[in-house]
Amino acid sequence: MTPEEIAKLPYRPCVGVMLVNDAGEVFVGQRIDNPGPAWQMPQGGVDPGENPREAALRELCEETGVTADKVVIEAETTDWVPYDLPAELVPKLWKGQFRGQEQKWFLMRFTGTDADVNIATEHPEFNTWRWMPAADLVDNIVPFKRAVYTAVLDQFSGKL
């Protein structure tokens, strides 16, 4: 696809979850489909007829096994935060229908224990997970998502 063709594509509506434990650390998972260190917070698309809050709770459970009764939603980003995929990934993801994603992020406080986390879900996205200090997030994320993570950290910084 040419850059002009990519620029005409819409963004995929998506949600993201910053799950924070009592120590103020953030849940991150190592993506199964990326061979290098590619940590990320849980995220995923918004299904038709679903509102962003519902999508965030569903995605959290689908990717981490953490159920809605184990979290308290403390905040959400004021706006949708977009990012563009690298041009070489556009035709490979989502059947080439989107240039990237626009995400509504939710800050959730984890009230469970590590035993409540189960990444061996029906459709696993992560091969390992850990709690990471918020200050280390941006340096450990794939480069094309760093601006998104910076924006999310900026909006949630006073609540971590």
N, C-alpha and C. Protein backbone atom coordinates (compact mmCIF):
# COMPACT_ATOMS: atom_id res chain seq x y z
N MET A 1 0.84 -1.19 0.00
CA MET A 1 0.00 0.00 0.00
C MET A 1 0.88 1.24 0.00
N THR A 2 0.42 2.22 -0.70
CA THR A 2 1.17 3.48 -0.75
C THR A 2 0.85 4.32 0.49
N PRO A 3 1.71 5.25 0.82
CA PRO A 3 1.41 6.14 1.96
C PRO A 3 0.09 6.90 1.78
N GLU A 4 -0.22 7.25 0.54
CA GLU A 4 -1.47 7.97 0.27
C GLU A 4 -2.68 7.07 0.56
N GLU A 5 -2.58 5.80 0.16
CA GLU A 5 -3.68 4.85 0.42
C GLU A 5 -3.85 4.64 1.92
N ILE A 6 -2.76 4.50 2.62
CA ILE A 6 -2.81 4.30 4.07
C ILE A 6 -3.44 5.50 4.76
N ALA A 7 -3.08 6.71 4.33
CA ALA A 7 -3.59 7.93 4.95
C ALA A 7 -5.11 8.05 4.83
N LYS A 8 -5.70 7.40 3.84
CA LYS A 8 -7.15 7.47 3.63
C LYS A 8 -7.92 6.46 4.50
N LEU A 9 -7.20 5.52 5.11
CA LEU A 9 -7.85 4.50 5.92
C LEU A 9 -8.29 5.07 7.27
N PRO A 10 -9.37 4.52 7.85
CA PRO A 10 -9.81 4.98 9.18
C PRO A 10 -8.98 4.32 10.28
N TYR A 11 -9.18 4.80 11.49
CA TYR A 11 -8.60 4.17 12.67
C TYR A 11 -9.59 3.12 13.21
N ARG A 12 -9.05 2.07 13.77
CA ARG A 12 -9.87 1.03 14.40
C ARG A 12 -10.18 1.47 15.83
N PRO A 13 -11.48 1.48 16.23
CA PRO A 13 -11.82 1.83 17.60
C PRO A 13 -11.33 0.75 18.55
N CYS A 14 -10.67 1.16 19.61
CA CYS A 14 -9.99 0.23 20.51
C CYS A 14 -10.00 0.80 21.92
N VAL A 15 -9.84 -0.08 22.89
CA VAL A 15 -9.70 0.33 24.28
C VAL A 15 -8.40 -0.22 24.83
N GLY A 16 -7.92 0.42 25.87
CA GLY A 16 -6.73 -0.05 26.56
C GLY A 16 -6.95 0.03 28.06
N VAL A 17 -6.25 -0.83 28.79
CA VAL A 17 -6.40 -0.88 30.25
C VAL A 17 -5.04 -0.73 30.91
N MET A 18 -4.93 0.29 31.77
CA MET A 18 -3.77 0.41 32.64
C MET A 18 -4.19 -0.17 33.98
N LEU A 19 -3.81 -1.41 34.21
CA LEU A 19 -4.16 -2.13 35.44
C LEU A 19 -3.02 -1.91 36.44
N VAL A 20 -3.36 -1.31 37.58
CA VAL A 20 -2.35 -0.92 38.57
C VAL A 20 -2.59 -1.69 39.87
N ASN A 21 -1.51 -2.21 40.44
CA ASN A 21 -1.61 -2.94 41.71
C ASN A 21 -1.43 -1.99 42.90
N ASP A 22 -1.47 -2.54 44.09
CA ASP A 22 -1.34 -1.72 45.31
C ASP A 22 0.00 -1.01 45.41
N ALA A 23 1.04 -1.57 44.78
CA ALA A 23 2.37 -0.96 44.83
C ALA A 23 2.53 0.13 43.77
N GLY A 24 1.47 0.38 42.97
CA GLY A 24 1.56 1.40 41.93
C GLY A 24 2.23 0.91 40.66
N GLU A 25 2.43 -0.41 40.56
CA GLU A 25 3.03 -0.98 39.35
C GLU A 25 1.93 -1.34 38.37
N VAL A 26 2.33 -1.42 37.08
CA VAL A 26 1.38 -1.60 35.99
C VAL A 26 1.53 -3.00 35.39
N PHE A 27 0.41 -3.66 35.13
CA PHE A 27 0.43 -4.96 34.46
C PHE A 27 0.87 -4.78 33.02
N VAL A 28 1.85 -5.58 32.60
CA VAL A 28 2.24 -5.66 31.19
C VAL A 28 2.41 -7.12 30.82
N GLY A 29 2.11 -7.42 29.57
CA GLY A 29 2.30 -8.76 29.06
C GLY A 29 3.25 -8.73 27.88
N GLN A 30 3.99 -9.81 27.71
CA GLN A 30 4.89 -9.97 26.56
C GLN A 30 4.07 -10.62 25.44
N ARG A 31 3.95 -9.94 24.32
CA ARG A 31 3.12 -10.44 23.23
C ARG A 31 3.66 -11.75 22.65
N ILE A 32 2.77 -12.68 22.42
CA ILE A 32 3.13 -13.97 21.82
C ILE A 32 3.65 -13.80 20.40
N ASP A 33 3.05 -12.86 19.66
CA ASP A 33 3.35 -12.73 18.22
C ASP A 33 4.52 -11.80 17.91
N ASN A 34 5.28 -11.39 18.92
CA ASN A 34 6.42 -10.52 18.66
C ASN A 34 7.65 -11.14 19.31
N PRO A 35 8.66 -11.49 18.51
CA PRO A 35 9.83 -12.19 19.06
C PRO A 35 10.71 -11.35 19.98
N GLY A 36 10.69 -10.04 19.80
CA GLY A 36 11.54 -9.19 20.63
C GLY A 36 10.82 -8.79 21.90
N PRO A 37 11.49 -8.04 22.75
CA PRO A 37 10.78 -7.57 23.94
C PRO A 37 9.70 -6.57 23.51
N ALA A 38 8.47 -6.96 23.62
CA ALA A 38 7.35 -6.11 23.22
C ALA A 38 6.27 -6.20 24.29
N TRP A 39 6.52 -5.54 25.40
CA TRP A 39 5.54 -5.52 26.48
C TRP A 39 4.41 -4.59 26.10
N GLN A 40 3.22 -4.90 26.57
CA GLN A 40 2.12 -3.96 26.39
C GLN A 40 1.07 -4.19 27.46
N MET A 41 0.27 -3.16 27.66
CA MET A 41 -0.87 -3.26 28.55
C MET A 41 -2.01 -3.91 27.76
N PRO A 42 -2.99 -4.48 28.45
CA PRO A 42 -4.12 -5.09 27.74
C PRO A 42 -4.84 -4.07 26.88
N GLN A 43 -5.23 -4.50 25.68
CA GLN A 43 -5.96 -3.62 24.77
C GLN A 43 -6.67 -4.47 23.74
N GLY A 44 -7.67 -3.89 23.09
CA GLY A 44 -8.37 -4.61 22.05
C GLY A 44 -9.51 -3.80 21.48
N GLY A 45 -10.10 -4.33 20.43
CA GLY A 45 -11.14 -3.63 19.70
C GLY A 45 -12.46 -3.55 20.45
N VAL A 46 -13.25 -2.58 20.04
CA VAL A 46 -14.60 -2.38 20.56
C VAL A 46 -15.55 -3.12 19.62
N ASP A 47 -16.30 -4.05 20.16
CA ASP A 47 -17.26 -4.81 19.35
C ASP A 47 -18.48 -3.96 19.01
N PRO A 48 -19.17 -4.28 17.90
CA PRO A 48 -20.40 -3.54 17.56
C PRO A 48 -21.41 -3.57 18.70
N GLY A 49 -21.97 -2.40 19.02
CA GLY A 49 -22.96 -2.29 20.08
C GLY A 49 -22.40 -2.24 21.49
N GLU A 50 -21.09 -2.26 21.60
CA GLU A 50 -20.43 -2.28 22.91
C GLU A 50 -19.91 -0.87 23.21
N ASN A 51 -20.06 -0.43 24.47
CA ASN A 51 -19.47 0.87 24.81
C ASN A 51 -18.03 0.64 25.26
N PRO A 52 -17.20 1.68 25.26
CA PRO A 52 -15.79 1.50 25.60
C PRO A 52 -15.54 0.88 26.98
N ARG A 53 -16.31 1.25 27.96
CA ARG A 53 -16.12 0.70 29.32
C ARG A 53 -16.37 -0.81 29.31
N GLU A 54 -17.44 -1.23 28.66
CA GLU A 54 -17.73 -2.67 28.55
C GLU A 54 -16.60 -3.39 27.80
N ALA A 55 -16.13 -2.76 26.73
CA ALA A 55 -15.06 -3.36 25.93
C ALA A 55 -13.79 -3.50 26.77
N ALA A 56 -13.49 -2.49 27.59
CA ALA A 56 -12.27 -2.53 28.41
C ALA A 56 -12.33 -3.68 29.42
N LEU A 57 -13.47 -3.85 30.06
CA LEU A 57 -13.61 -4.94 31.03
C LEU A 57 -13.56 -6.30 30.33
N ARG A 58 -14.17 -6.40 29.16
CA ARG A 58 -14.13 -7.66 28.40
C ARG A 58 -12.71 -7.98 27.97
N GLU A 59 -12.01 -7.00 27.39
CA GLU A 59 -10.63 -7.22 26.94
C GLU A 59 -9.72 -7.59 28.10
N LEU A 60 -9.89 -6.93 29.23
CA LEU A 60 -9.09 -7.25 30.41
C LEU A 60 -9.25 -8.72 30.77
N CYS A 61 -10.48 -9.18 30.81
CA CYS A 61 -10.75 -10.57 31.17
C CYS A 61 -10.21 -11.52 30.10
N GLU A 62 -10.44 -11.20 28.83
CA GLU A 62 -9.98 -12.06 27.74
C GLU A 62 -8.47 -12.22 27.70
N GLU A 63 -7.74 -11.16 28.06
CA GLU A 63 -6.28 -11.19 27.94
C GLU A 63 -5.57 -11.56 29.24
N THR A 64 -6.20 -11.32 30.38
CA THR A 64 -5.51 -11.53 31.66
C THR A 64 -6.25 -12.48 32.60
N GLY A 65 -7.49 -12.80 32.30
CA GLY A 65 -8.29 -13.61 33.21
C GLY A 65 -8.83 -12.82 34.39
N VAL A 66 -8.49 -11.54 34.49
CA VAL A 66 -8.95 -10.70 35.60
C VAL A 66 -10.39 -10.27 35.33
N THR A 67 -11.28 -10.60 36.24
CA THR A 67 -12.70 -10.31 36.07
C THR A 67 -13.06 -8.94 36.66
N ALA A 68 -14.22 -8.43 36.24
CA ALA A 68 -14.65 -7.09 36.64
C ALA A 68 -14.75 -6.91 38.15
N ASP A 69 -15.02 -7.98 38.89
CA ASP A 69 -15.14 -7.85 40.34
C ASP A 69 -13.78 -7.70 41.03
N LYS A 70 -12.69 -7.79 40.28
CA LYS A 70 -11.34 -7.66 40.84
C LYS A 70 -10.70 -6.32 40.50
N VAL A 71 -11.50 -5.37 39.95
CA VAL A 71 -10.96 -4.06 39.59
C VAL A 71 -11.93 -2.96 39.98
N VAL A 72 -11.37 -1.77 40.15
CA VAL A 72 -12.14 -0.55 40.32
C VAL A 72 -11.69 0.39 39.22
N ILE A 73 -12.64 0.85 38.40
CA ILE A 73 -12.29 1.81 37.34
C ILE A 73 -12.17 3.18 37.98
N GLU A 74 -10.95 3.74 37.89
CA GLU A 74 -10.68 5.02 38.56
C GLU A 74 -10.68 6.22 37.63
N ALA A 75 -10.40 5.98 36.33
CA ALA A 75 -10.34 7.11 35.40
C ALA A 75 -10.38 6.58 33.97
N GLU A 76 -10.65 7.50 33.04
CA GLU A 76 -10.52 7.19 31.63
C GLU A 76 -9.97 8.42 30.92
N THR A 77 -9.30 8.17 29.79
CA THR A 77 -8.74 9.31 29.05
C THR A 77 -9.88 10.19 28.56
N THR A 78 -9.63 11.49 28.51
CA THR A 78 -10.66 12.42 28.09
C THR A 78 -10.98 12.26 26.61
N ASP A 79 -9.98 11.96 25.82
CA ASP A 79 -10.15 11.81 24.38
C ASP A 79 -9.66 10.44 23.93
N TRP A 80 -9.98 10.12 22.69
CA TRP A 80 -9.43 8.93 22.05
C TRP A 80 -8.00 9.26 21.63
N VAL A 81 -7.10 8.33 21.86
CA VAL A 81 -5.68 8.55 21.56
C VAL A 81 -5.32 7.70 20.35
N PRO A 82 -5.02 8.34 19.19
CA PRO A 82 -4.73 7.57 17.98
C PRO A 82 -3.24 7.23 17.84
N TYR A 83 -2.98 6.15 17.11
CA TYR A 83 -1.62 5.88 16.66
C TYR A 83 -1.66 5.21 15.29
N ASP A 84 -0.65 5.50 14.50
CA ASP A 84 -0.51 4.89 13.18
C ASP A 84 0.41 3.69 13.26
N LEU A 85 0.03 2.65 12.55
CA LEU A 85 0.91 1.48 12.42
C LEU A 85 2.06 1.82 11.49
N PRO A 86 3.20 1.16 11.65
CA PRO A 86 4.24 1.28 10.62
C PRO A 86 3.65 0.79 9.28
N ALA A 87 4.00 1.44 8.20
CA ALA A 87 3.41 1.16 6.88
C ALA A 87 3.47 -0.32 6.51
N GLU A 88 4.56 -0.99 6.89
CA GLU A 88 4.69 -2.40 6.50
C GLU A 88 3.70 -3.31 7.25
N LEU A 89 3.15 -2.84 8.36
CA LEU A 89 2.20 -3.65 9.12
C LEU A 89 0.75 -3.46 8.68
N VAL A 90 0.45 -2.33 8.03
CA VAL A 90 -0.94 -2.02 7.67
C VAL A 90 -1.59 -3.15 6.86
N PRO A 91 -0.96 -3.67 5.80
CA PRO A 91 -1.64 -4.74 5.05
C PRO A 91 -1.74 -6.07 5.80
N LYS A 92 -0.94 -6.23 6.85
CA LYS A 92 -0.89 -7.51 7.58
C LYS A 92 -1.90 -7.60 8.71
N LEU A 93 -2.31 -6.46 9.25
CA LEU A 93 -3.21 -6.45 10.40
C LEU A 93 -4.62 -6.00 9.99
N TRP A 94 -5.60 -6.63 10.59
CA TRP A 94 -7.00 -6.26 10.39
C TRP A 94 -7.38 -6.19 8.91
N LYS A 95 -6.80 -7.10 8.12
CA LYS A 95 -7.10 -7.23 6.68
C LYS A 95 -6.83 -5.94 5.92
N GLY A 96 -5.91 -5.12 6.42
CA GLY A 96 -5.55 -3.87 5.74
C GLY A 96 -6.63 -2.82 5.74
N GLN A 97 -7.60 -2.93 6.64
CA GLN A 97 -8.73 -2.00 6.66
C GLN A 97 -8.49 -0.74 7.48
N PHE A 98 -7.42 -0.74 8.32
CA PHE A 98 -7.20 0.38 9.23
C PHE A 98 -5.75 0.86 9.17
N ARG A 99 -5.56 2.15 9.36
CA ARG A 99 -4.21 2.74 9.37
C ARG A 99 -3.54 2.60 10.74
N GLY A 100 -4.34 2.34 11.73
CA GLY A 100 -3.88 2.22 13.11
C GLY A 100 -5.10 2.13 14.01
N GLN A 101 -4.94 2.56 15.23
CA GLN A 101 -6.05 2.50 16.18
C GLN A 101 -6.22 3.84 16.88
N GLU A 102 -7.46 4.10 17.30
CA GLU A 102 -7.72 5.19 18.24
C GLU A 102 -8.27 4.52 19.48
N GLN A 103 -7.66 4.86 20.60
CA GLN A 103 -7.91 4.13 21.83
C GLN A 103 -8.46 5.01 22.93
N LYS A 104 -9.43 4.46 23.65
CA LYS A 104 -9.93 5.05 24.89
C LYS A 104 -9.32 4.20 26.00
N TRP A 105 -8.56 4.83 26.89
CA TRP A 105 -7.84 4.11 27.94
C TRP A 105 -8.54 4.26 29.29
N PHE A 106 -8.47 3.19 30.07
CA PHE A 106 -9.08 3.15 31.40
C PHE A 106 -8.01 2.79 32.43
N LEU A 107 -7.99 3.55 33.51
CA LEU A 107 -7.13 3.24 34.65
C LEU A 107 -7.96 2.40 35.61
N MET A 108 -7.48 1.17 35.86
CA MET A 108 -8.18 0.27 36.77
C MET A 108 -7.26 -0.14 37.90
N ARG A 109 -7.79 -0.07 39.11
CA ARG A 109 -7.06 -0.51 40.30
C ARG A 109 -7.37 -1.98 40.52
N PHE A 110 -6.32 -2.80 40.58
CA PHE A 110 -6.46 -4.24 40.78
C PHE A 110 -6.68 -4.51 42.26
N THR A 111 -7.77 -5.18 42.59
CA THR A 111 -8.08 -5.48 43.99
C THR A 111 -7.88 -6.96 44.32
N GLY A 112 -7.46 -7.72 43.33
CA GLY A 112 -7.25 -9.15 43.54
C GLY A 112 -5.81 -9.45 43.93
N THR A 113 -5.43 -10.71 43.73
CA THR A 113 -4.06 -11.16 43.99
C THR A 113 -3.47 -11.67 42.68
N ASP A 114 -2.17 -11.88 42.67
CA ASP A 114 -1.53 -12.40 41.45
C ASP A 114 -2.13 -13.72 41.01
N ALA A 115 -2.68 -14.49 41.93
CA ALA A 115 -3.32 -15.76 41.59
C ALA A 115 -4.57 -15.56 40.72
N ASP A 116 -5.13 -14.34 40.72
CA ASP A 116 -6.31 -14.03 39.90
C ASP A 116 -5.94 -13.74 38.45
N VAL A 117 -4.66 -13.61 38.16
CA VAL A 117 -4.20 -13.36 36.80
C VAL A 117 -3.95 -14.70 36.12
N ASN A 118 -4.54 -14.86 34.94
CA ASN A 118 -4.37 -16.09 34.17
C ASN A 118 -4.29 -15.74 32.69
N ILE A 119 -3.06 -15.68 32.16
CA ILE A 119 -2.89 -15.32 30.74
C ILE A 119 -3.10 -16.50 29.81
N ALA A 120 -3.32 -17.70 30.35
CA ALA A 120 -3.60 -18.89 29.53
C ALA A 120 -5.10 -18.91 29.23
N THR A 121 -5.53 -17.90 28.47
CA THR A 121 -6.95 -17.72 28.17
C THR A 121 -7.31 -18.48 26.90
N GLU A 122 -8.57 -18.38 26.49
CA GLU A 122 -9.04 -19.10 25.29
C GLU A 122 -8.25 -18.70 24.04
N HIS A 123 -7.96 -17.43 23.91
CA HIS A 123 -7.15 -16.92 22.80
C HIS A 123 -6.00 -16.10 23.38
N PRO A 124 -4.93 -16.76 23.85
CA PRO A 124 -3.87 -16.04 24.56
C PRO A 124 -3.15 -15.02 23.68
N GLU A 125 -2.85 -13.87 24.28
CA GLU A 125 -2.10 -12.82 23.60
C GLU A 125 -0.70 -12.68 24.18
N PHE A 126 -0.52 -13.13 25.42
CA PHE A 126 0.74 -12.96 26.11
C PHE A 126 1.35 -14.32 26.46
N ASN A 127 2.71 -14.38 26.42
CA ASN A 127 3.37 -15.61 26.85
C ASN A 127 3.95 -15.48 28.26
N THR A 128 4.03 -14.26 28.76
CA THR A 128 4.44 -14.01 30.14
C THR A 128 3.91 -12.64 30.54
N TRP A 129 3.92 -12.37 31.84
CA TRP A 129 3.45 -11.06 32.32
C TRP A 129 4.24 -10.69 33.56
N ARG A 130 4.13 -9.41 33.91
CA ARG A 130 4.79 -8.92 35.12
C ARG A 130 4.19 -7.59 35.52
N TRP A 131 4.52 -7.16 36.73
CA TRP A 131 4.19 -5.81 37.18
C TRP A 131 5.40 -4.94 36.90
N MET A 132 5.20 -3.81 36.24
CA MET A 132 6.30 -2.94 35.85
C MET A 132 6.07 -1.54 36.43
N PRO A 133 7.13 -0.92 36.94
CA PRO A 133 6.98 0.48 37.38
C PRO A 133 6.51 1.35 36.21
N ALA A 134 5.58 2.25 36.48
CA ALA A 134 5.04 3.11 35.43
C ALA A 134 6.14 3.88 34.71
N ALA A 135 7.17 4.25 35.43
CA ALA A 135 8.28 5.02 34.83
C ALA A 135 9.04 4.22 33.77
N ASP A 136 8.92 2.89 33.79
CA ASP A 136 9.63 2.04 32.82
C ASP A 136 8.80 1.67 31.61
N LEU A 137 7.52 2.01 31.61
CA LEU A 137 6.62 1.57 30.53
C LEU A 137 7.08 1.99 29.14
N VAL A 138 7.25 3.28 28.93
CA VAL A 138 7.52 3.80 27.59
C VAL A 138 8.76 3.16 26.97
N ASP A 139 9.80 2.97 27.75
CA ASP A 139 11.04 2.39 27.22
C ASP A 139 10.90 0.91 26.84
N ASN A 140 9.85 0.26 27.30
CA ASN A 140 9.69 -1.17 27.06
C ASN A 140 8.57 -1.52 26.08
N ILE A 141 8.02 -0.51 25.45
CA ILE A 141 6.92 -0.68 24.50
C ILE A 141 7.46 -0.56 23.09
N VAL A 142 6.79 -1.21 22.12
CA VAL A 142 7.23 -1.07 20.72
C VAL A 142 7.22 0.42 20.36
N PRO A 143 8.19 0.86 19.59
CA PRO A 143 8.34 2.29 19.33
C PRO A 143 7.09 2.99 18.79
N PHE A 144 6.31 2.35 17.93
CA PHE A 144 5.18 3.05 17.33
C PHE A 144 4.03 3.30 18.32
N LYS A 145 4.10 2.71 19.52
CA LYS A 145 3.07 2.95 20.54
C LYS A 145 3.55 3.86 21.66
N ARG A 146 4.78 4.32 21.59
CA ARG A 146 5.34 5.10 22.71
C ARG A 146 4.62 6.42 22.95
N ALA A 147 4.19 7.09 21.89
CA ALA A 147 3.47 8.36 22.06
C ALA A 147 2.14 8.12 22.77
N VAL A 148 1.48 7.01 22.47
CA VAL A 148 0.22 6.66 23.13
C VAL A 148 0.47 6.44 24.62
N TYR A 149 1.49 5.65 24.94
CA TYR A 149 1.77 5.36 26.35
C TYR A 149 2.16 6.62 27.11
N THR A 150 2.88 7.50 26.46
CA THR A 150 3.25 8.78 27.08
C THR A 150 1.99 9.59 27.38
N ALA A 151 1.06 9.66 26.42
CA ALA A 151 -0.18 10.41 26.61
C ALA A 151 -1.01 9.80 27.74
N VAL A 152 -1.09 8.48 27.79
CA VAL A 152 -1.86 7.81 28.84
C VAL A 152 -1.23 8.07 30.21
N LEU A 153 0.08 7.95 30.29
CA LEU A 153 0.76 8.23 31.57
C LEU A 153 0.55 9.67 32.00
N ASP A 154 0.59 10.60 31.05
CA ASP A 154 0.36 12.01 31.38
C ASP A 154 -1.04 12.21 31.98
N GLN A 155 -2.03 11.57 31.37
CA GLN A 155 -3.41 11.77 31.85
C GLN A 155 -3.66 11.09 33.20
N PHE A 156 -3.00 9.96 33.44
CA PHE A 156 -3.25 9.21 34.67
C PHE A 156 -2.21 9.45 35.77
N SER A 157 -1.23 10.29 35.51
CA SER A 157 -0.08 10.42 36.43
C SER A 157 -0.47 10.77 37.87
N GLY A 158 -1.42 11.62 38.05
CA GLY A 158 -1.81 12.02 39.40
C GLY A 158 -2.60 10.96 40.14
N LYS A 159 -2.97 9.89 39.44
CA LYS A 159 -3.83 8.86 40.04
C LYS A 159 -3.09 7.55 40.29
N LEU A 160 -1.83 7.48 39.87
CA LEU A 160 -1.08 6.24 40.04
C LEU A 160 -0.60 6.12 41.47
